[in-house]
Protein backbone atom coordinates (compact mmCIF):
# COMPACT_ATOMS: atom_id res chain seq x y z
CA MET A 1 1.53 74.95 -24.36
CA SER A 2 3.67 72.24 -26.06
CA TYR A 3 4.46 72.09 -29.91
CA HIS A 4 6.00 69.52 -32.01
CA LEU A 5 8.44 69.47 -34.83
CA PHE A 6 7.29 72.21 -37.71
CA GLU A 7 3.82 72.34 -36.36
CA VAL A 8 4.14 75.81 -35.83
CA PHE A 9 6.58 78.94 -36.31
CA GLY A 10 6.93 82.26 -34.94
CA ILE A 11 8.83 84.89 -37.22
CA GLU A 12 10.32 88.48 -36.20
CA LEU A 13 11.50 91.21 -38.52
CA GLU A 14 13.49 93.90 -37.10
CA TYR A 15 13.40 97.58 -38.95
CA MET A 16 15.21 100.82 -38.51
CA LEU A 17 13.58 104.26 -38.51
CA VAL A 18 15.09 106.84 -40.72
CA ASN A 19 14.13 110.15 -41.67
CA SER A 20 12.82 110.80 -44.79
CA SER A 21 14.67 113.60 -46.04
CA THR A 22 18.03 113.21 -44.55
CA TYR A 23 17.61 109.30 -44.27
CA LYS A 24 19.61 109.79 -40.83
CA VAL A 25 19.00 107.24 -38.23
CA ASN A 26 15.65 108.37 -36.15
CA PRO A 27 15.14 107.15 -32.86
CA ILE A 28 11.82 107.63 -31.96
CA VAL A 29 10.13 103.88 -32.14
CA ASP A 30 8.64 105.39 -28.46
CA ARG A 31 6.76 107.98 -30.26
CA LEU A 32 5.65 105.20 -33.01
CA LEU A 33 4.42 102.70 -30.40
CA THR A 34 2.46 105.80 -28.73
CA LYS A 35 1.10 107.03 -31.22
CA LYS A 36 -0.29 103.55 -32.13
CA ASN A 37 -1.34 102.60 -28.64
CA GLY A 38 -2.39 105.88 -27.25
CA SER A 39 0.01 105.72 -24.36
CA LEU A 40 3.72 104.44 -24.26
CA THR A 41 4.52 100.77 -24.25
CA SER A 42 6.99 98.53 -25.38
CA ASP A 43 4.22 96.19 -27.07
CA VAL A 44 1.48 97.09 -29.06
CA GLU A 45 -0.55 93.48 -30.26
CA ASN A 46 -1.92 94.45 -33.43
CA GLY A 47 -4.32 91.28 -34.56
CA LYS A 48 -1.89 88.47 -35.55
CA ILE A 49 1.18 90.94 -35.66
CA GLU A 50 3.08 92.44 -32.68
CA TRP A 51 4.89 95.22 -32.83
CA SER A 52 7.97 95.90 -29.81
CA ASN A 53 10.90 97.95 -29.02
CA GLU A 54 14.44 96.99 -29.14
CA LEU A 55 17.99 97.93 -27.51
CA VAL A 56 18.39 100.80 -29.36
CA ALA A 57 15.74 103.23 -29.71
CA HIS A 58 15.66 103.58 -33.54
CA VAL A 59 14.79 99.83 -34.01
CA VAL A 60 11.04 98.43 -34.09
CA GLU A 61 10.47 94.66 -34.02
CA LEU A 62 7.10 93.21 -36.13
CA LYS A 63 6.49 89.53 -35.00
CA THR A 64 3.78 86.96 -35.20
CA ASN A 65 1.63 87.65 -32.15
CA GLY A 66 2.40 83.73 -30.80
CA PRO A 67 2.75 80.54 -32.71
CA THR A 68 1.39 80.42 -36.14
CA ALA A 69 0.80 77.25 -38.59
CA ASP A 70 -0.07 79.42 -41.66
CA LEU A 71 3.48 80.73 -43.79
CA GLU A 72 0.98 81.45 -46.95
CA THR A 73 -0.20 84.29 -46.07
CA LEU A 74 2.38 85.52 -43.47
CA ASP A 75 4.16 87.80 -45.98
CA GLU A 76 0.82 89.84 -46.72
CA LEU A 77 0.03 90.31 -43.11
CA PHE A 78 3.85 91.68 -42.23
CA SER A 79 3.33 93.95 -45.61
CA GLU A 80 0.01 95.68 -43.82
CA ASN A 81 1.97 96.20 -40.90
CA VAL A 82 4.96 97.76 -42.55
CA ARG A 83 2.60 100.05 -44.30
CA GLU A 84 0.46 101.11 -41.45
CA VAL A 85 3.62 101.95 -39.42
CA ASN A 86 5.17 104.03 -42.37
CA GLU A 87 1.60 105.85 -42.30
CA LEU A 88 1.89 106.86 -38.66
CA LEU A 89 5.42 107.94 -39.11
CA ARG A 90 4.48 110.35 -41.90
CA ASP A 91 3.44 112.49 -39.39
CA PHE A 92 6.75 112.69 -37.78
CA ASN A 93 8.47 112.72 -41.75
CA SER A 94 10.08 109.12 -41.07
CA GLU A 95 9.84 105.81 -42.50
CA LEU A 96 11.47 101.88 -42.15
CA LEU A 97 14.35 101.28 -43.61
CA ALA A 98 14.93 98.00 -45.46
CA THR A 99 17.99 95.49 -45.19
CA ALA A 100 19.80 94.52 -42.20
CA ALA A 101 22.38 97.77 -42.14
CA HIS A 102 21.95 101.37 -42.61
CA PRO A 103 24.55 101.88 -45.27
CA LEU A 104 25.83 105.68 -43.70
CA MET A 105 25.01 105.23 -40.06
CA GLN A 106 27.77 106.43 -37.94
CA PRO A 107 26.92 104.68 -34.78
CA GLU A 108 29.37 106.39 -32.51
CA LYS A 109 27.30 109.28 -32.98
CA GLU A 110 24.02 108.49 -33.49
CA MET A 111 23.06 105.64 -31.21
CA GLN A 112 20.73 106.24 -28.51
CA LEU A 113 19.49 103.58 -26.01
CA TRP A 114 15.78 102.93 -25.47
CA GLN A 115 15.01 104.55 -22.62
CA HIS A 116 11.85 103.08 -21.54
CA ASN A 117 11.04 99.70 -20.25
CA TYR A 118 13.80 97.04 -19.82
CA SER A 119 16.03 100.16 -19.67
CA ARG A 120 18.03 99.04 -16.54
CA ILE A 121 19.07 95.60 -18.82
CA TYR A 122 19.73 97.71 -21.70
CA ALA A 123 21.82 100.03 -19.76
CA LEU A 124 23.42 97.22 -18.00
CA TYR A 125 24.51 95.82 -21.53
CA ASN A 126 25.69 99.36 -22.62
CA ARG A 127 28.06 99.17 -19.43
CA ILE A 128 29.68 95.80 -20.25
CA PHE A 129 29.72 95.79 -24.35
CA ASP A 130 29.92 99.46 -25.33
CA CYS A 131 26.78 99.14 -27.69
CA THR A 132 27.89 101.90 -29.74
CA GLY A 133 29.36 99.54 -32.89
CA HIS A 134 27.60 98.41 -35.75
CA GLY A 135 27.62 95.08 -34.19
CA TRP A 136 24.58 96.26 -31.55
CA SER A 137 22.76 99.28 -33.40
CA ASN A 138 23.05 98.51 -37.24
CA VAL A 139 22.14 95.02 -37.22
CA GLN A 140 18.25 93.99 -38.53
CA SER A 141 17.64 90.82 -38.62
CA MET A 142 14.96 87.93 -39.17
CA HIS A 143 14.23 85.24 -36.60
CA ILE A 144 12.81 82.24 -37.00
CA ASN A 145 11.53 79.93 -33.93
CA LEU A 146 10.88 76.69 -34.58
CA PRO A 147 9.01 74.16 -31.63
CA PHE A 148 10.32 71.24 -29.75
CA SER A 149 8.60 69.34 -27.29
CA GLY A 150 11.27 67.01 -25.01
CA ASP A 151 15.02 66.30 -25.40
CA LYS A 152 14.07 63.69 -28.38
CA GLU A 153 12.80 66.47 -30.75
CA PHE A 154 15.38 69.07 -29.30
CA GLU A 155 18.28 66.60 -30.11
CA LYS A 156 17.02 66.06 -33.84
CA LEU A 157 16.26 70.05 -34.47
CA HIS A 158 19.26 71.12 -32.44
CA ALA A 159 21.48 68.98 -34.89
CA ALA A 160 20.03 69.97 -38.07
CA VAL A 161 20.03 73.63 -37.25
CA ARG A 162 23.94 73.53 -36.70
CA ILE A 163 24.56 71.84 -39.96
CA LEU A 164 22.28 74.39 -41.94
CA LEU A 165 23.50 77.42 -40.14
CA PRO A 166 26.80 78.02 -42.13
CA LEU A 167 24.66 77.93 -45.47
CA ILE A 168 22.13 80.62 -44.41
CA PRO A 169 23.73 83.95 -45.08
CA GLY A 170 24.56 82.82 -48.44
CA LEU A 171 20.96 83.04 -48.81
CA SER A 172 19.77 85.97 -46.63
CA ALA A 173 23.04 88.42 -46.84
CA SER A 174 21.66 92.15 -47.30
CA SER A 175 24.58 94.21 -45.32
CA PRO A 176 27.46 95.06 -47.74
CA ILE A 177 27.94 98.32 -46.54
CA PHE A 178 28.97 100.07 -43.35
CA GLU A 179 29.29 104.01 -43.30
CA GLY A 180 29.28 104.51 -46.85
CA LYS A 181 32.05 101.66 -48.13
CA PHE A 182 31.94 98.11 -48.87
CA THR A 183 32.90 96.27 -46.05
CA GLY A 184 34.25 93.18 -47.71
CA PHE A 185 31.51 90.89 -46.46
CA LYS A 186 28.18 90.40 -47.97
CA ASP A 187 27.17 89.91 -44.47
CA ALA A 188 28.85 92.54 -42.40
CA ARG A 189 26.44 92.00 -39.82
CA MET A 190 27.11 88.62 -39.01
CA HIS A 191 30.74 89.68 -38.88
CA VAL A 192 30.27 92.14 -36.63
CA TYR A 193 27.69 89.83 -34.84
CA LYS A 194 30.90 87.21 -34.11
CA THR A 195 32.64 90.04 -31.92
CA ASN A 196 30.37 92.12 -30.38
CA GLN A 197 30.47 90.26 -27.21
CA LYS A 198 34.05 89.61 -27.02
CA GLU A 199 34.33 90.78 -23.54
CA ILE A 200 32.47 87.72 -22.41
CA PRO A 201 33.29 85.04 -25.15
CA GLU A 202 30.66 82.56 -23.22
CA MET A 203 27.62 84.67 -24.76
CA THR A 204 28.34 84.09 -28.28
CA GLY A 205 30.88 81.16 -28.44
CA LYS A 206 31.73 80.38 -32.20
CA VAL A 207 28.18 81.30 -33.03
CA ILE A 208 27.38 77.95 -34.08
CA PRO A 209 26.25 75.93 -31.29
CA GLU A 210 28.19 73.40 -29.76
CA GLN A 211 27.12 69.51 -29.78
CA PHE A 212 24.60 69.55 -27.13
CA PHE A 213 21.57 67.56 -27.41
CA SER A 214 19.92 67.31 -24.48
CA ARG A 215 18.46 70.36 -21.67
CA LYS A 216 20.99 69.03 -19.27
CA ASP A 217 23.92 69.06 -21.59
CA TYR A 218 23.01 72.49 -22.72
CA GLN A 219 22.56 74.00 -19.39
CA ASN A 220 25.73 72.36 -18.27
CA GLY A 221 27.84 73.34 -21.54
CA ILE A 222 26.32 76.64 -22.17
CA PHE A 223 24.26 78.20 -19.89
CA ASP A 224 26.06 77.58 -16.54
CA PRO A 225 29.46 78.84 -18.23
CA ILE A 226 27.66 82.21 -19.36
CA ASN A 227 25.69 82.65 -16.00
CA LYS A 228 29.41 82.32 -14.11
CA ALA A 229 30.63 84.72 -16.63
CA ILE A 230 28.27 87.51 -16.24
CA LYS A 231 28.09 86.94 -12.37
CA PRO A 232 30.84 89.93 -11.65
CA HIS A 233 28.78 92.56 -14.17
CA ASP A 234 25.29 91.51 -13.07
CA THR A 235 25.21 92.12 -9.44
CA GLU A 236 21.52 92.91 -9.34
CA ASN A 237 20.77 89.39 -11.05
CA ILE A 238 18.44 90.72 -13.73
CA LEU A 239 19.74 89.38 -16.74
CA ASP A 240 18.59 85.77 -17.62
CA GLN A 241 20.33 83.13 -19.45
CA HIS A 242 18.03 82.75 -22.39
CA PHE A 243 18.46 86.40 -22.97
CA LEU A 244 22.60 86.13 -22.53
CA ASN A 245 22.93 83.50 -24.71
CA SER A 246 23.77 84.99 -28.53
CA ARG A 247 24.88 81.74 -30.60
CA GLY A 248 23.59 81.82 -33.89
CA ALA A 249 20.96 79.58 -32.69
CA ILE A 250 19.64 79.80 -29.25
CA ALA A 251 17.55 77.13 -27.43
CA ARG A 252 14.78 78.44 -25.55
CA PHE A 253 13.64 75.94 -23.23
CA ASP A 254 11.30 78.47 -21.36
CA ARG A 255 9.14 78.60 -24.61
CA GLY A 256 10.19 75.03 -26.50
CA ALA A 257 11.55 76.29 -29.02
CA ILE A 258 15.53 76.84 -31.18
CA GLU A 259 15.38 80.65 -32.47
CA ILE A 260 17.39 81.08 -35.45
CA ARG A 261 19.20 84.56 -35.74
CA VAL A 262 21.81 84.71 -38.32
CA ILE A 263 19.24 85.55 -41.12
CA ASP A 264 19.25 89.47 -42.52
CA VAL A 265 15.94 91.03 -43.00
CA GLN A 266 15.50 91.60 -46.72
CA GLU A 267 13.87 94.33 -49.00
CA CYS A 268 10.36 92.99 -48.25
CA PRO A 269 8.51 90.47 -46.27
CA LYS A 270 7.89 88.34 -49.30
CA ALA A 271 11.52 87.89 -49.55
CA ASP A 272 11.68 87.38 -45.92
CA ILE A 273 9.01 84.66 -45.85
CA ALA A 274 10.58 82.95 -48.79
CA ILE A 275 13.98 82.69 -47.19
CA ALA A 276 11.95 81.41 -44.00
CA VAL A 277 10.16 78.88 -45.73
CA LEU A 278 13.01 77.41 -47.44
CA ILE A 279 15.16 77.19 -44.44
CA ILE A 280 12.32 75.28 -43.05
CA GLU A 281 12.17 73.05 -45.51
CA ALA A 282 15.90 72.30 -45.46
CA LEU A 283 15.29 71.72 -41.82
CA LYS A 284 12.55 69.14 -42.23
CA LEU A 285 15.08 67.35 -44.91
CA LEU A 286 17.49 66.75 -42.55
CA VAL A 287 15.36 65.69 -39.70
CA SER A 288 14.37 63.19 -41.85
CA GLU A 289 17.56 61.83 -41.98
CA GLU A 290 17.34 61.23 -45.88
CA LEU A 291 20.79 63.09 -46.67
CA ILE A 292 22.75 62.09 -43.33
CA SER A 293 21.99 60.29 -40.45
CA LEU A 294 21.00 62.10 -36.89
CA GLU A 295 24.60 60.31 -35.38
CA ASP A 296 26.78 61.84 -38.28
CA GLN A 297 24.84 65.30 -37.84
CA LYS A 298 25.45 65.25 -34.32
CA ASN A 299 29.16 64.38 -35.08
CA TRP A 300 30.42 67.69 -36.67
CA HIS A 301 32.25 69.87 -34.36
CA GLU A 302 31.37 73.73 -33.94
CA ASN A 303 34.90 74.73 -35.30
CA ASP A 304 34.62 72.88 -38.69
CA LEU A 305 31.20 74.49 -39.39
CA PHE A 306 32.64 77.72 -38.09
CA GLU A 307 35.18 77.76 -40.49
CA ILE A 308 32.62 77.32 -43.46
CA PHE A 309 30.16 79.81 -41.73
CA ASN A 310 33.05 82.43 -42.01
CA GLY A 311 33.63 81.85 -45.73
CA VAL A 312 30.25 82.16 -46.44
CA ILE A 313 29.49 85.72 -44.86
CA ILE A 314 32.31 87.05 -47.00
CA ASN A 315 30.67 86.12 -50.49
CA ALA A 316 27.38 84.70 -49.81
CA GLU A 317 25.89 82.51 -52.66
CA ASP A 318 29.19 82.67 -54.64
CA THR A 319 31.35 81.21 -51.61
CA GLU A 320 32.67 77.65 -52.64
CA ILE A 321 32.44 75.10 -50.09
CA LYS A 322 35.55 73.44 -50.25
CA ASN A 323 34.99 70.93 -46.99
CA ALA A 324 34.18 67.44 -49.00
CA GLU A 325 32.36 65.93 -46.23
CA TYR A 326 30.08 69.24 -46.05
CA ALA A 327 29.29 69.14 -49.50
CA GLY A 328 28.89 65.28 -49.61
CA ILE A 329 25.95 65.59 -47.48
CA PHE A 330 23.94 67.24 -50.32
CA ASP A 331 25.60 64.93 -52.98
CA LEU A 332 27.59 67.64 -54.17
CA GLU A 333 31.37 67.91 -55.31
CA PRO A 334 33.80 70.07 -53.26
CA GLY A 335 34.09 73.63 -54.83
CA VAL A 336 30.73 73.62 -55.23
CA LYS A 337 28.87 77.20 -55.08
CA THR A 338 26.53 78.06 -51.71
CA LEU A 339 23.94 78.95 -54.19
CA ASP A 340 24.13 75.53 -56.14
CA VAL A 341 23.58 73.82 -52.55
CA TRP A 342 20.90 76.06 -51.86
CA LYS A 343 19.40 74.81 -55.28
CA ARG A 344 20.03 71.27 -54.70
CA ILE A 345 18.01 71.39 -51.48
CA TYR A 346 15.32 73.44 -53.30
CA SER A 347 14.87 70.57 -55.99
CA LEU A 348 14.55 67.80 -53.28
CA VAL A 349 11.99 69.94 -51.31
CA LYS A 350 9.88 72.02 -54.26
CA GLU A 351 7.32 69.42 -54.42
CA ASP A 352 6.06 70.14 -50.94
CA LEU A 353 5.88 73.78 -51.49
CA SER A 354 3.04 76.03 -52.67
CA PRO A 355 3.16 77.84 -56.36
CA LYS A 356 3.35 81.26 -54.40
CA HIS A 357 6.57 79.82 -52.08
CA LYS A 358 7.93 78.16 -55.51
CA ILE A 359 7.83 81.47 -57.31
CA ASN A 360 9.14 83.51 -54.54
CA ILE A 361 12.16 81.23 -53.81
CA GLU A 362 12.93 80.88 -57.51
CA ILE A 363 13.49 84.75 -57.84
CA LEU A 364 15.75 84.73 -55.16
CA LEU A 365 17.89 81.42 -56.45
CA GLY A 366 17.67 83.39 -59.82
CA HIS A 367 19.00 86.60 -58.90
CA GLY A 368 21.47 85.87 -55.65
CA SER A 369 21.73 87.30 -52.43
CA LEU A 370 20.17 91.18 -51.97
CA SER A 371 23.52 92.05 -50.91
CA SER A 372 24.89 91.09 -54.49
CA ARG A 373 22.09 92.72 -55.94
CA ILE A 374 22.85 96.25 -53.78
CA LEU A 375 26.45 95.95 -54.64
CA ASN A 376 25.76 95.60 -58.29
CA ALA A 377 23.15 98.54 -58.17
CA LEU A 378 26.10 100.53 -56.57
CA GLY A 379 28.77 99.85 -59.34
CA GLU A 380 32.24 100.90 -58.19
CA ASP A 381 33.09 103.45 -55.40
CA PRO A 382 29.73 104.67 -54.97
CA THR A 383 28.69 108.22 -53.81
CA GLU A 384 26.91 109.01 -51.02
CA GLU A 385 24.18 110.39 -53.37
CA LYS A 386 24.28 106.90 -55.28
CA ILE A 387 23.88 104.96 -51.90
CA LEU A 388 21.07 106.77 -50.91
CA LYS A 389 18.86 106.44 -54.14
CA VAL A 390 19.53 102.70 -54.07
CA TYR A 391 18.31 102.38 -50.40
CA ARG A 392 15.48 104.57 -51.19
CA LYS A 393 14.65 102.12 -54.13
CA LEU A 394 14.68 99.34 -51.65
CA GLY A 395 12.29 101.49 -49.11
CA ASP A 396 9.98 101.62 -52.01
CA CYS A 397 10.14 97.55 -52.57
CA LEU A 398 9.62 97.66 -48.63
CA GLN A 399 6.57 99.62 -49.01
CA GLU A 400 5.25 97.67 -52.02
CA ASN A 401 6.30 94.19 -51.01
CA ARG A 402 7.95 93.73 -53.86
CA PHE A 403 11.84 92.33 -54.83
CA PHE A 404 14.66 94.16 -55.65
CA LEU A 405 15.90 93.09 -59.12
CA ASN A 406 18.44 95.05 -61.35
């Protein structure tokens, strides 16, 4: 079925499984799904939410079971499923980890690939890219799927998504720590995401998608180069072009949607859905051409947008937007902080939001990115003990569906 712009949405949340005693990664998603389903399966439908496996054996994905128009109660639905997963995991002395990255994981030692359905695909990926790094096995994200019908709607949506992508980590960064140390990036997940497929650069490009605004041009400019580059490696022809495209937003022509992938998962579904709602409203604003015409949106080259994005993954909401033309889209001056751009967007869209979404978005805008809140809680040069203490508190926030506020 074909849906029109902003008619429905698909949300996906990824979570890592950890041992409750040691907080070490626990690769038992197969046991979780078996316990839930009665027999091993890669997908379990649980009413309006579906559970599924991922590339690595310690990550489970919770997602809307098909498109939904209801964003008002979605955080509660996800939270119910989080609690159910945690209840099932208690038998294995395990639980879900909040945030986009495990702060102490050593992927080279701890990563295990999923060994069941689709394992041939995952094994091939591992052979080509070596999936033992943080960029493959320590990156939990939220994906937002937004529908379009036909080239005209794709053109508008793709143009708007490209413009907004550089700002998103300023709102959603939650991955500041790798292996017990501050990485220097508030969004370290996106830093490693940029280069984890360096062996075949056609797959990720510059993260920001290129200036293609029709299905035909996208096929010629993005899918065909990917297919050509992967051919020598994929001798069995088991990889699909939609699966291979790893840009920060990907066109899924097979299901009439654009999937946004640059969003770190948060400390609770309430925060995830607040971020999703603000992103969706920002995209509606751009599609309306109230701020900038469609033609002017399309004129932005990915290199210029990538430069802004690259700054934002370092300092998140505190990043200064030095590009005067970009700041001008939002009627702001160069040097404005990313947080203030989001506050400006919120001021323009808040009348269209429910009281619940307003409250949650205002909490986010008032307290800054989760990465900043984590770093504030950790203080200078934190010990492993301090890191575990903070991340256990984040786990409590996930279980109780509440914000982590210092």
